[in-house]
């Protein structure tokens, strides 16, 4: 966003095979500038050394702390223990 001089993004679709954990820890200030987030959350294989104590619940809590509210979830029926699809919308989405 900064490189392109944008102050917000309407919709982010993220399927980055586990790097969503890195994003939520390394880019926390970006989260509150996203209107809608569609993300595939990978649960199995989470690096416990790098992110101790993290879980799907803590991931959602981090997003909710940035005023994103979950409005949809869908378990990956082919790999239910590996990942799930989550959709969030900004609580106070307005024209930035």
C-alpha atoms as a PDB file:
ATOM      1  CA  UNK A   1       0.000   0.000   0.000  1.00  0.00           C
ATOM      2  CA  UNK A   2       2.725   2.438   0.957  1.00  0.00           C
ATOM      3  CA  UNK A   3       4.736   1.823  -2.188  1.00  0.00           C
ATOM      4  CA  UNK A   4       1.693   2.667  -4.343  1.00  0.00           C
ATOM      5  CA  UNK A   5       0.651   5.566  -2.093  1.00  0.00           C
ATOM      6  CA  UNK A   6      -2.691   3.961  -1.167  1.00  0.00           C
ATOM      7  CA  UNK A   7      -4.252   4.644   2.226  1.00  0.00           C
ATOM      8  CA  UNK A   8      -6.662   1.693   2.171  1.00  0.00           C
ATOM      9  CA  UNK A   9      -7.641  -1.425   0.254  1.00  0.00           C
ATOM     10  CA  UNK A  10     -11.274  -2.363  -0.325  1.00  0.00           C
ATOM     11  CA  UNK A  11     -10.838  -6.148  -0.585  1.00  0.00           C
ATOM     12  CA  UNK A  12      -7.901  -8.464   0.116  1.00  0.00           C
ATOM     13  CA  UNK A  13      -8.088 -12.136  -0.927  1.00  0.00           C
ATOM     14  CA  UNK A  14      -5.298 -14.056   0.770  1.00  0.00           C
ATOM     15  CA  UNK A  15      -4.297 -17.663   0.100  1.00  0.00           C
ATOM     16  CA  UNK A  16      -0.601 -17.724   0.911  1.00  0.00           C
ATOM     17  CA  UNK A  17      -0.128 -21.269   2.217  1.00  0.00           C
ATOM     18  CA  UNK A  18       0.668 -20.499   5.842  1.00  0.00           C
ATOM     19  CA  UNK A  19       2.275 -17.072   5.469  1.00  0.00           C
ATOM     20  CA  UNK A  20      -0.886 -15.432   6.783  1.00  0.00           C
ATOM     21  CA  UNK A  21       0.619 -15.966  10.253  1.00  0.00           C
ATOM     22  CA  UNK A  22       3.667 -13.947   9.237  1.00  0.00           C
ATOM     23  CA  UNK A  23       1.461 -11.207   7.775  1.00  0.00           C
ATOM     24  CA  UNK A  24      -0.692 -10.802  10.891  1.00  0.00           C
ATOM     25  CA  UNK A  25       2.415 -10.517  13.092  1.00  0.00           C
ATOM     26  CA  UNK A  26       4.564  -8.351  10.803  1.00  0.00           C
ATOM     27  CA  UNK A  27       1.942  -6.008   9.293  1.00  0.00           C
ATOM     28  CA  UNK A  28      -0.511  -5.229  12.112  1.00  0.00           C
ATOM     29  CA  UNK A  29      -0.970  -1.607  11.053  1.00  0.00           C
ATOM     30  CA  UNK A  30      -2.109  -2.655   7.576  1.00  0.00           C
ATOM     31  CA  UNK A  31      -5.031  -4.680   8.904  1.00  0.00           C
ATOM     32  CA  UNK A  32      -7.166  -1.730   9.994  1.00  0.00           C
ATOM     33  CA  UNK A  33      -6.929  -0.254   6.470  1.00  0.00           C
ATOM     34  CA  UNK A  34      -8.584  -3.280   4.805  1.00  0.00           C
ATOM     35  CA  UNK A  35     -12.336  -3.083   4.184  1.00  0.00           C
ATOM     36  CA  UNK A  36     -12.931  -6.767   3.566  1.00  0.00           C
ATOM     37  CA  UNK A  37     -10.570  -9.707   4.105  1.00  0.00           C
ATOM     38  CA  UNK A  38     -11.077 -13.149   2.548  1.00  0.00           C
ATOM     39  CA  UNK A  39      -8.455 -15.542   3.837  1.00  0.00           C
ATOM     40  CA  UNK A  40      -7.601 -19.219   3.828  1.00  0.00           C
ATOM     41  CA  UNK A  41      -6.237 -19.879   7.304  1.00  0.00           C
ATOM     42  CA  UNK A  42      -3.756 -22.756   7.514  1.00  0.00           C
ATOM     43  CA  UNK A  43      -3.813 -24.414  10.897  1.00  0.00           C
ATOM     44  CA  UNK A  44      -1.693 -27.541  10.583  1.00  0.00           C
ATOM     45  CA  UNK A  45       2.000 -26.867  10.289  1.00  0.00           C
ATOM     46  CA  UNK A  46       1.828 -23.638  12.281  1.00  0.00           C
ATOM     47  CA  UNK A  47       5.353 -22.920  13.447  1.00  0.00           C
ATOM     48  CA  UNK A  48       5.017 -23.149  17.228  1.00  0.00           C
ATOM     49  CA  UNK A  49       8.551 -21.887  17.785  1.00  0.00           C
ATOM     50  CA  UNK A  50       7.960 -18.729  15.807  1.00  0.00           C
ATOM     51  CA  UNK A  51       4.377 -18.150  17.000  1.00  0.00           C
ATOM     52  CA  UNK A  52       3.958 -19.937  20.356  1.00  0.00           C
ATOM     53  CA  UNK A  53       0.421 -20.271  21.672  1.00  0.00           C
ATOM     54  CA  UNK A  54      -1.218 -19.231  18.410  1.00  0.00           C
ATOM     55  CA  UNK A  55      -4.404 -20.874  17.187  1.00  0.00           C
ATOM     56  CA  UNK A  56      -7.267 -20.189  14.824  1.00  0.00           C
ATOM     57  CA  UNK A  57      -9.060 -18.499  17.726  1.00  0.00           C
ATOM     58  CA  UNK A  58      -6.135 -16.174  18.471  1.00  0.00           C
ATOM     59  CA  UNK A  59      -5.881 -15.339  14.746  1.00  0.00           C
ATOM     60  CA  UNK A  60      -9.541 -14.268  14.696  1.00  0.00           C
ATOM     61  CA  UNK A  61      -9.090 -12.343  17.958  1.00  0.00           C
ATOM     62  CA  UNK A  62      -6.183 -10.380  16.443  1.00  0.00           C
ATOM     63  CA  UNK A  63      -8.357  -9.388  13.488  1.00  0.00           C
ATOM     64  CA  UNK A  64     -11.291  -8.484  15.725  1.00  0.00           C
ATOM     65  CA  UNK A  65      -8.978  -6.247  17.758  1.00  0.00           C
ATOM     66  CA  UNK A  66      -8.448  -4.320  14.499  1.00  0.00           C
ATOM     67  CA  UNK A  67     -12.245  -3.957  14.042  1.00  0.00           C
ATOM     68  CA  UNK A  68     -12.634  -6.733  11.481  1.00  0.00           C
ATOM     69  CA  UNK A  69     -15.705  -8.898  12.091  1.00  0.00           C
ATOM     70  CA  UNK A  70     -16.082 -12.428  10.751  1.00  0.00           C
ATOM     71  CA  UNK A  71     -19.168 -12.852   8.606  1.00  0.00           C
ATOM     72  CA  UNK A  72     -18.460 -16.239   6.998  1.00  0.00           C
ATOM     73  CA  UNK A  73     -16.443 -19.375   7.641  1.00  0.00           C
ATOM     74  CA  UNK A  74     -16.165 -22.545   5.613  1.00  0.00           C
ATOM     75  CA  UNK A  75     -14.128 -25.585   6.558  1.00  0.00           C
ATOM     76  CA  UNK A  76     -12.099 -27.068   3.735  1.00  0.00           C
ATOM     77  CA  UNK A  77     -13.978 -30.359   3.363  1.00  0.00           C
ATOM     78  CA  UNK A  78     -11.111 -32.060   1.583  1.00  0.00           C
ATOM     79  CA  UNK A  79      -8.594 -31.129   4.324  1.00  0.00           C
ATOM     80  CA  UNK A  80     -10.647 -30.113   7.400  1.00  0.00           C
ATOM     81  CA  UNK A  81      -7.675 -30.407   9.785  1.00  0.00           C
ATOM     82  CA  UNK A  82      -5.413 -28.285   7.556  1.00  0.00           C
ATOM     83  CA  UNK A  83      -7.237 -25.079   6.714  1.00  0.00           C
ATOM     84  CA  UNK A  84     -10.463 -23.111   6.728  1.00  0.00           C
ATOM     85  CA  UNK A  85     -11.814 -20.180   4.707  1.00  0.00           C
ATOM     86  CA  UNK A  86     -12.674 -17.069   6.736  1.00  0.00           C
ATOM     87  CA  UNK A  87     -14.280 -13.808   5.622  1.00  0.00           C
ATOM     88  CA  UNK A  88     -14.150 -10.544   7.568  1.00  0.00           C
ATOM     89  CA  UNK A  89     -15.539  -7.069   7.064  1.00  0.00           C
ATOM     90  CA  UNK A  90     -14.392  -3.841   8.694  1.00  0.00           C
ATOM     91  CA  UNK A  91     -16.739  -2.872  11.538  1.00  0.00           C
ATOM     92  CA  UNK A  92     -16.637   0.814  10.648  1.00  0.00           C
ATOM     93  CA  UNK A  93     -16.036   0.525   6.909  1.00  0.00           C
ATOM     94  CA  UNK A  94     -16.374   4.006   5.561  1.00  0.00           C
ATOM     95  CA  UNK A  95     -14.872   6.046   2.790  1.00  0.00           C
ATOM     96  CA  UNK A  96     -11.340   6.595   3.907  1.00  0.00           C
END
